């Protein structure tokens, strides 16, 4: 004899559906070109010029090594596309 059971969704099925939906949204964003704007903004935010400006620097940055960055200058390190030797900002 068959027992009556209430139909229910398992936790695994719900998690699988959520992951599938996230993947679908990412694919749609990639195909429509909307995801490219995000990566462009991230690249611009990481430039030495924009970092100095955001920190309140009063003049343009300099592309110098750490030992050349003295006085009112603040050395921010390397890894910037527009300052491969090192980012040095002027603060008065």
Protein backbone atom coordinates (compact mmCIF):
# COMPACT_ATOMS: atom_id res chain seq x y z
CA UNK A 1 0.00 0.00 0.00
CA UNK A 2 1.28 3.48 -0.87
CA UNK A 3 1.70 6.04 1.86
CA UNK A 4 0.67 9.63 1.30
CA UNK A 5 3.63 12.03 1.40
CA UNK A 6 3.68 15.77 1.06
CA UNK A 7 5.82 16.84 -1.85
CA UNK A 8 8.78 18.91 -0.78
CA UNK A 9 11.91 20.37 -2.32
CA UNK A 10 15.15 19.18 -0.89
CA UNK A 11 17.83 21.63 0.22
CA UNK A 12 20.14 20.24 -2.47
CA UNK A 13 17.62 21.03 -5.19
CA UNK A 14 17.17 24.60 -3.93
CA UNK A 15 20.93 25.24 -3.77
CA UNK A 16 21.41 23.76 -7.24
CA UNK A 17 18.68 26.04 -8.63
CA UNK A 18 20.26 29.14 -7.04
CA UNK A 19 23.73 28.31 -8.40
CA UNK A 20 22.26 27.66 -11.84
CA UNK A 21 20.47 31.00 -11.78
CA UNK A 22 23.67 32.84 -10.81
CA UNK A 23 25.58 31.16 -13.64
CA UNK A 24 22.81 32.05 -16.09
CA UNK A 25 22.89 35.73 -15.04
CA UNK A 26 26.69 35.88 -15.44
CA UNK A 27 26.49 34.34 -18.92
CA UNK A 28 23.80 36.81 -19.99
CA UNK A 29 25.88 39.75 -18.67
CA UNK A 30 28.94 38.51 -20.53
CA UNK A 31 27.06 38.08 -23.80
CA UNK A 32 25.39 41.50 -23.63
CA UNK A 33 28.66 43.26 -22.80
CA UNK A 34 27.45 44.62 -19.46
CA UNK A 35 30.20 42.82 -17.55
CA UNK A 36 32.96 44.69 -19.43
CA UNK A 37 32.12 47.99 -17.74
CA UNK A 38 32.90 46.49 -14.35
CA UNK A 39 36.40 45.36 -15.30
CA UNK A 40 37.13 48.72 -16.94
CA UNK A 41 36.20 50.56 -13.75
CA UNK A 42 38.37 48.29 -11.63
CA UNK A 43 41.37 48.96 -13.88
CA UNK A 44 40.92 52.72 -13.73
CA UNK A 45 40.52 52.74 -9.95
CA UNK A 46 43.88 51.01 -9.51
CA UNK A 47 45.95 53.61 -11.32
CA UNK A 48 48.52 55.65 -9.42
CA UNK A 49 47.03 58.95 -10.61
CA UNK A 50 43.53 58.06 -9.39
CA UNK A 51 44.85 56.68 -6.10
CA UNK A 52 46.81 59.88 -5.38
CA UNK A 53 43.79 61.98 -6.29
CA UNK A 54 41.51 59.93 -4.03
CA UNK A 55 43.93 60.36 -1.13
CA UNK A 56 43.88 64.15 -1.58
CA UNK A 57 47.19 64.69 -3.36
CA UNK A 58 47.68 68.30 -4.43
CA UNK A 59 49.74 67.63 -7.55
CA UNK A 60 50.35 64.87 -10.10
CA UNK A 61 52.02 61.64 -9.06
CA UNK A 62 55.59 60.68 -9.84
CA UNK A 63 56.89 57.39 -11.21
CA UNK A 64 59.95 56.90 -8.98
CA UNK A 65 61.63 54.30 -6.80
CA UNK A 66 61.06 54.37 -3.04
CA UNK A 67 64.40 56.02 -2.17
CA UNK A 68 63.53 59.06 -4.32
CA UNK A 69 60.23 59.67 -2.54
CA UNK A 70 61.07 61.95 0.41
CA UNK A 71 59.75 65.00 2.24
CA UNK A 72 56.09 65.79 1.60
CA UNK A 73 55.93 62.89 -0.85
CA UNK A 74 54.32 59.60 0.14
CA UNK A 75 55.37 56.32 -1.48
CA UNK A 76 52.43 54.01 -2.23
CA UNK A 77 54.34 51.06 -3.66
CA UNK A 78 54.60 49.37 -7.03
CA UNK A 79 52.07 47.50 -9.13
CA UNK A 80 50.43 50.45 -10.85
CA UNK A 81 50.16 50.40 -14.66
CA UNK A 82 50.97 54.09 -14.96
CA UNK A 83 53.86 53.97 -12.45
CA UNK A 84 55.79 50.68 -12.81
CA UNK A 85 58.76 51.89 -10.71
CA UNK A 86 56.58 53.04 -7.85
CA UNK A 87 53.83 55.50 -7.08
CA UNK A 88 54.85 58.64 -5.21
CA UNK A 89 52.20 61.26 -4.32
CA UNK A 90 52.68 64.86 -3.21
CA UNK A 91 50.95 65.94 0.01
CA UNK A 92 51.40 69.42 1.43
